[in-house]
Amino acid sequence: MSSHEDRFRETQRCYRDTQENFERDLKRASSQAEVRRVIRNKDRAEAVYLRAGRAILERNGQEVENAYSAAKRANDAVVQAREAAESAAELVRTISEAVGSVESLVRKAAL
């Protein structure tokens, strides 16, 4: 079973990825729509990270564990997408899915 530290770490992992790669992701964007999604992903990841920092992510149960596993898989997919140098559109979509997964984890695990 995951701990609240594990859950926060996945939230932090997503946040750091969007922050540390923001400029590079903007440069890779090939349209204004992709630029907007890169910015939106960064902003959403930051908001979720701050919400997780204020929350106590100690609620347990299968739903929380499923959300944790989904967030971990989504964050791993971002790493793989970056390593594979996928297209900007595919990378932005993968990051958006990771942010959504982390957001779901925080919503389900917060007391």
N, C-alpha and C. Protein backbone atom coordinates (compact mmCIF):
# COMPACT_ATOMS: atom_id res chain seq x y z
N MET A 1 0.85 -1.18 0.00
CA MET A 1 0.00 0.00 0.00
C MET A 1 0.89 1.24 0.00
N SER A 2 0.49 2.24 -0.72
CA SER A 2 1.26 3.49 -0.79
C SER A 2 1.05 4.31 0.48
N SER A 3 2.06 5.08 0.81
CA SER A 3 1.96 5.99 1.97
C SER A 3 1.63 7.39 1.47
N HIS A 4 1.31 8.28 2.41
CA HIS A 4 1.05 9.66 2.00
C HIS A 4 2.31 10.28 1.40
N GLU A 5 3.50 9.84 1.84
CA GLU A 5 4.74 10.33 1.25
C GLU A 5 4.87 9.89 -0.21
N ASP A 6 4.52 8.63 -0.48
CA ASP A 6 4.55 8.12 -1.86
C ASP A 6 3.62 8.94 -2.75
N ARG A 7 2.45 9.22 -2.24
CA ARG A 7 1.44 9.96 -3.02
C ARG A 7 1.91 11.38 -3.29
N PHE A 8 2.48 12.01 -2.27
CA PHE A 8 2.98 13.36 -2.47
C PHE A 8 4.15 13.36 -3.45
N ARG A 9 5.00 12.34 -3.37
CA ARG A 9 6.16 12.25 -4.26
C ARG A 9 5.73 12.19 -5.73
N GLU A 10 4.65 11.46 -6.03
CA GLU A 10 4.17 11.41 -7.42
C GLU A 10 3.63 12.76 -7.86
N THR A 11 2.97 13.46 -6.95
CA THR A 11 2.49 14.81 -7.25
C THR A 11 3.67 15.73 -7.52
N GLN A 12 4.67 15.65 -6.67
CA GLN A 12 5.88 16.46 -6.82
C GLN A 12 6.62 16.12 -8.11
N ARG A 13 6.66 14.86 -8.45
CA ARG A 13 7.34 14.42 -9.67
C ARG A 13 6.72 15.06 -10.91
N CYS A 14 5.41 15.07 -10.96
CA CYS A 14 4.70 15.69 -12.09
C CYS A 14 4.97 17.19 -12.13
N TYR A 15 4.86 17.83 -10.98
CA TYR A 15 5.10 19.27 -10.88
C TYR A 15 6.50 19.62 -11.36
N ARG A 16 7.50 18.91 -10.84
CA ARG A 16 8.89 19.21 -11.22
C ARG A 16 9.13 19.02 -12.70
N ASP A 17 8.54 17.97 -13.27
CA ASP A 17 8.73 17.75 -14.70
C ASP A 17 8.19 18.92 -15.51
N THR A 18 7.00 19.39 -15.18
CA THR A 18 6.43 20.50 -15.96
C THR A 18 7.22 21.78 -15.76
N GLN A 19 7.74 22.01 -14.56
CA GLN A 19 8.51 23.22 -14.29
C GLN A 19 9.88 23.17 -14.97
N GLU A 20 10.59 22.06 -14.78
CA GLU A 20 11.95 21.94 -15.29
C GLU A 20 12.03 21.87 -16.81
N ASN A 21 10.98 21.42 -17.45
CA ASN A 21 10.99 21.25 -18.90
C ASN A 21 10.11 22.27 -19.62
N PHE A 22 9.63 23.26 -18.90
CA PHE A 22 8.68 24.22 -19.47
C PHE A 22 9.23 24.92 -20.72
N GLU A 23 10.41 25.50 -20.62
CA GLU A 23 10.98 26.23 -21.76
C GLU A 23 11.20 25.31 -22.95
N ARG A 24 11.73 24.14 -22.68
CA ARG A 24 11.97 23.18 -23.76
C ARG A 24 10.65 22.74 -24.40
N ASP A 25 9.63 22.50 -23.58
CA ASP A 25 8.34 22.09 -24.13
C ASP A 25 7.71 23.20 -24.97
N LEU A 26 7.88 24.44 -24.53
CA LEU A 26 7.36 25.56 -25.32
C LEU A 26 8.05 25.62 -26.68
N LYS A 27 9.36 25.42 -26.70
CA LYS A 27 10.10 25.46 -27.97
C LYS A 27 9.69 24.32 -28.89
N ARG A 28 9.32 23.19 -28.33
CA ARG A 28 8.91 22.04 -29.14
C ARG A 28 7.50 22.21 -29.70
N ALA A 29 6.70 23.02 -29.06
CA ALA A 29 5.30 23.19 -29.49
C ALA A 29 5.28 23.71 -30.92
N SER A 30 4.42 23.10 -31.74
CA SER A 30 4.40 23.47 -33.15
C SER A 30 3.16 24.27 -33.54
N SER A 31 2.34 24.61 -32.56
CA SER A 31 1.15 25.43 -32.84
C SER A 31 0.79 26.22 -31.60
N GLN A 32 -0.04 27.22 -31.79
CA GLN A 32 -0.50 28.01 -30.65
C GLN A 32 -1.33 27.16 -29.69
N ALA A 33 -2.07 26.21 -30.22
CA ALA A 33 -2.86 25.32 -29.37
C ALA A 33 -1.94 24.50 -28.47
N GLU A 34 -0.83 24.02 -29.01
CA GLU A 34 0.12 23.26 -28.19
C GLU A 34 0.79 24.15 -27.16
N VAL A 35 1.10 25.37 -27.53
CA VAL A 35 1.68 26.32 -26.56
C VAL A 35 0.71 26.52 -25.41
N ARG A 36 -0.56 26.72 -25.71
CA ARG A 36 -1.57 26.91 -24.65
C ARG A 36 -1.66 25.67 -23.76
N ARG A 37 -1.59 24.49 -24.34
CA ARG A 37 -1.66 23.25 -23.54
C ARG A 37 -0.43 23.10 -22.66
N VAL A 38 0.75 23.46 -23.16
CA VAL A 38 1.97 23.40 -22.34
C VAL A 38 1.80 24.31 -21.13
N ILE A 39 1.33 25.52 -21.37
CA ILE A 39 1.13 26.48 -20.28
C ILE A 39 0.07 25.97 -19.31
N ARG A 40 -1.03 25.47 -19.84
CA ARG A 40 -2.11 24.95 -18.99
C ARG A 40 -1.63 23.75 -18.16
N ASN A 41 -0.86 22.86 -18.76
CA ASN A 41 -0.32 21.71 -18.02
C ASN A 41 0.56 22.17 -16.87
N LYS A 42 1.43 23.13 -17.12
CA LYS A 42 2.32 23.65 -16.08
C LYS A 42 1.51 24.28 -14.96
N ASP A 43 0.53 25.09 -15.31
CA ASP A 43 -0.30 25.75 -14.30
C ASP A 43 -1.12 24.75 -13.50
N ARG A 44 -1.70 23.76 -14.16
CA ARG A 44 -2.49 22.74 -13.45
C ARG A 44 -1.60 21.92 -12.52
N ALA A 45 -0.42 21.53 -13.00
CA ALA A 45 0.49 20.74 -12.17
C ALA A 45 0.89 21.52 -10.92
N GLU A 46 1.13 22.81 -11.09
CA GLU A 46 1.49 23.65 -9.94
C GLU A 46 0.33 23.74 -8.96
N ALA A 47 -0.87 23.94 -9.45
CA ALA A 47 -2.04 24.05 -8.57
C ALA A 47 -2.28 22.75 -7.80
N VAL A 48 -2.13 21.62 -8.47
CA VAL A 48 -2.32 20.33 -7.82
C VAL A 48 -1.23 20.10 -6.77
N TYR A 49 0.00 20.45 -7.11
CA TYR A 49 1.12 20.30 -6.18
C TYR A 49 0.89 21.15 -4.93
N LEU A 50 0.47 22.38 -5.10
CA LEU A 50 0.20 23.24 -3.94
C LEU A 50 -0.97 22.70 -3.12
N ARG A 51 -2.00 22.20 -3.78
CA ARG A 51 -3.13 21.61 -3.07
C ARG A 51 -2.67 20.37 -2.28
N ALA A 52 -1.82 19.56 -2.89
CA ALA A 52 -1.31 18.36 -2.21
C ALA A 52 -0.45 18.74 -1.01
N GLY A 53 0.29 19.84 -1.13
CA GLY A 53 1.13 20.30 -0.03
C GLY A 53 0.31 20.75 1.17
N ARG A 54 -0.89 21.24 0.92
CA ARG A 54 -1.76 21.69 2.01
C ARG A 54 -2.61 20.56 2.57
N ALA A 55 -2.80 19.53 1.78
CA ALA A 55 -3.67 18.42 2.18
C ALA A 55 -2.86 17.35 2.92
N ILE A 56 -3.58 16.51 3.59
CA ILE A 56 -2.99 15.32 4.18
C ILE A 56 -3.49 14.16 3.32
N LEU A 57 -2.58 13.54 2.58
CA LEU A 57 -2.98 12.53 1.60
C LEU A 57 -3.02 11.14 2.24
N GLU A 58 -3.79 11.03 3.32
CA GLU A 58 -3.79 9.80 4.09
C GLU A 58 -5.04 8.95 3.95
N ARG A 59 -5.99 9.38 3.17
CA ARG A 59 -7.15 8.52 2.96
C ARG A 59 -6.67 7.25 2.25
N ASN A 60 -7.19 6.11 2.64
CA ASN A 60 -6.76 4.83 2.07
C ASN A 60 -7.92 4.14 1.38
N GLY A 61 -7.62 3.04 0.76
CA GLY A 61 -8.64 2.24 0.10
C GLY A 61 -8.23 1.90 -1.32
N GLN A 62 -8.97 1.01 -1.92
CA GLN A 62 -8.63 0.55 -3.26
C GLN A 62 -8.69 1.68 -4.29
N GLU A 63 -9.65 2.58 -4.14
CA GLU A 63 -9.77 3.70 -5.08
C GLU A 63 -8.53 4.58 -5.03
N VAL A 64 -8.01 4.83 -3.84
CA VAL A 64 -6.80 5.63 -3.68
C VAL A 64 -5.60 4.89 -4.27
N GLU A 65 -5.50 3.60 -4.00
CA GLU A 65 -4.39 2.81 -4.54
C GLU A 65 -4.43 2.78 -6.07
N ASN A 66 -5.62 2.65 -6.63
CA ASN A 66 -5.76 2.68 -8.09
C ASN A 66 -5.33 4.03 -8.65
N ALA A 67 -5.71 5.10 -7.98
CA ALA A 67 -5.32 6.45 -8.42
C ALA A 67 -3.81 6.63 -8.30
N TYR A 68 -3.22 6.12 -7.23
CA TYR A 68 -1.76 6.20 -7.06
C TYR A 68 -1.06 5.44 -8.18
N SER A 69 -1.51 4.23 -8.47
CA SER A 69 -0.90 3.44 -9.54
C SER A 69 -1.04 4.13 -10.89
N ALA A 70 -2.19 4.73 -11.14
CA ALA A 70 -2.41 5.44 -12.40
C ALA A 70 -1.49 6.65 -12.50
N ALA A 71 -1.32 7.38 -11.40
CA ALA A 71 -0.43 8.56 -11.41
C ALA A 71 1.01 8.13 -11.65
N LYS A 72 1.43 7.06 -11.02
CA LYS A 72 2.79 6.56 -11.20
C LYS A 72 3.02 6.13 -12.65
N ARG A 73 2.07 5.39 -13.22
CA ARG A 73 2.19 4.98 -14.62
C ARG A 73 2.21 6.19 -15.56
N ALA A 74 1.38 7.17 -15.28
CA ALA A 74 1.32 8.37 -16.13
C ALA A 74 2.63 9.15 -16.05
N ASN A 75 3.20 9.29 -14.86
CA ASN A 75 4.48 9.97 -14.72
C ASN A 75 5.59 9.19 -15.43
N ASP A 76 5.56 7.87 -15.33
CA ASP A 76 6.53 7.04 -16.05
C ASP A 76 6.38 7.22 -17.56
N ALA A 77 5.15 7.35 -18.04
CA ALA A 77 4.90 7.54 -19.47
C ALA A 77 5.50 8.86 -19.96
N VAL A 78 5.47 9.89 -19.11
CA VAL A 78 6.08 11.17 -19.49
C VAL A 78 7.58 10.99 -19.66
N VAL A 79 8.22 10.31 -18.73
CA VAL A 79 9.66 10.05 -18.83
C VAL A 79 9.96 9.31 -20.12
N GLN A 80 9.19 8.28 -20.41
CA GLN A 80 9.39 7.50 -21.63
C GLN A 80 9.17 8.34 -22.88
N ALA A 81 8.16 9.19 -22.86
CA ALA A 81 7.88 10.05 -24.01
C ALA A 81 9.03 11.02 -24.25
N ARG A 82 9.58 11.56 -23.18
CA ARG A 82 10.71 12.48 -23.33
C ARG A 82 11.93 11.74 -23.88
N GLU A 83 12.19 10.55 -23.37
CA GLU A 83 13.34 9.76 -23.83
C GLU A 83 13.18 9.35 -25.29
N ALA A 84 11.96 9.08 -25.71
CA ALA A 84 11.70 8.66 -27.08
C ALA A 84 11.60 9.83 -28.04
N ALA A 85 11.70 11.04 -27.51
CA ALA A 85 11.59 12.27 -28.32
C ALA A 85 10.34 12.23 -29.18
N GLU A 86 9.23 11.92 -28.54
CA GLU A 86 7.96 11.87 -29.26
C GLU A 86 7.60 13.26 -29.79
N SER A 87 6.64 13.29 -30.68
CA SER A 87 6.20 14.56 -31.24
C SER A 87 5.70 15.47 -30.12
N ALA A 88 5.73 16.75 -30.39
CA ALA A 88 5.28 17.72 -29.38
C ALA A 88 3.83 17.45 -28.99
N ALA A 89 2.99 17.15 -29.96
CA ALA A 89 1.57 16.90 -29.67
C ALA A 89 1.41 15.69 -28.76
N GLU A 90 2.15 14.63 -29.04
CA GLU A 90 2.06 13.42 -28.21
C GLU A 90 2.60 13.67 -26.81
N LEU A 91 3.69 14.40 -26.71
CA LEU A 91 4.26 14.71 -25.40
C LEU A 91 3.30 15.56 -24.58
N VAL A 92 2.73 16.57 -25.18
CA VAL A 92 1.78 17.44 -24.47
C VAL A 92 0.58 16.63 -23.99
N ARG A 93 0.09 15.72 -24.81
CA ARG A 93 -1.03 14.87 -24.42
C ARG A 93 -0.64 13.97 -23.25
N THR A 94 0.55 13.40 -23.30
CA THR A 94 1.02 12.51 -22.24
C THR A 94 1.17 13.28 -20.93
N ILE A 95 1.70 14.48 -20.99
CA ILE A 95 1.84 15.32 -19.79
C ILE A 95 0.46 15.68 -19.24
N SER A 96 -0.46 16.02 -20.12
CA SER A 96 -1.81 16.36 -19.68
C SER A 96 -2.46 15.19 -18.96
N GLU A 97 -2.25 13.99 -19.46
CA GLU A 97 -2.78 12.79 -18.79
C GLU A 97 -2.14 12.60 -17.42
N ALA A 98 -0.84 12.86 -17.32
CA ALA A 98 -0.15 12.73 -16.03
C ALA A 98 -0.70 13.74 -15.03
N VAL A 99 -0.89 14.96 -15.46
CA VAL A 99 -1.43 15.98 -14.56
C VAL A 99 -2.83 15.58 -14.10
N GLY A 100 -3.64 15.09 -15.02
CA GLY A 100 -4.98 14.64 -14.65
C GLY A 100 -4.96 13.47 -13.67
N SER A 101 -4.02 12.56 -13.86
CA SER A 101 -3.90 11.41 -12.94
C SER A 101 -3.48 11.85 -11.55
N VAL A 102 -2.53 12.76 -11.49
CA VAL A 102 -2.07 13.27 -10.19
C VAL A 102 -3.19 14.05 -9.52
N GLU A 103 -3.92 14.82 -10.30
CA GLU A 103 -5.05 15.58 -9.76
C GLU A 103 -6.09 14.64 -9.15
N SER A 104 -6.37 13.55 -9.84
CA SER A 104 -7.31 12.56 -9.33
C SER A 104 -6.80 11.92 -8.04
N LEU A 105 -5.51 11.63 -7.99
CA LEU A 105 -4.91 11.05 -6.78
C LEU A 105 -5.09 11.99 -5.59
N VAL A 106 -4.78 13.26 -5.78
CA VAL A 106 -4.90 14.23 -4.68
C VAL A 106 -6.35 14.33 -4.23
N ARG A 107 -7.26 14.39 -5.18
CA ARG A 107 -8.68 14.49 -4.85
C ARG A 107 -9.15 13.27 -4.04
N LYS A 108 -8.70 12.09 -4.40
CA LYS A 108 -9.16 10.87 -3.73
C LYS A 108 -8.45 10.61 -2.41
N ALA A 109 -7.19 11.04 -2.28
CA ALA A 109 -6.41 10.71 -1.09
C ALA A 109 -6.48 11.76 0.01
N ALA A 110 -6.92 12.97 -0.33
CA ALA A 110 -6.95 14.05 0.66
C ALA A 110 -8.04 13.81 1.69
N LEU A 111 -7.70 14.07 2.94
CA LEU A 111 -8.68 13.95 4.03
C LEU A 111 -9.56 15.18 4.07
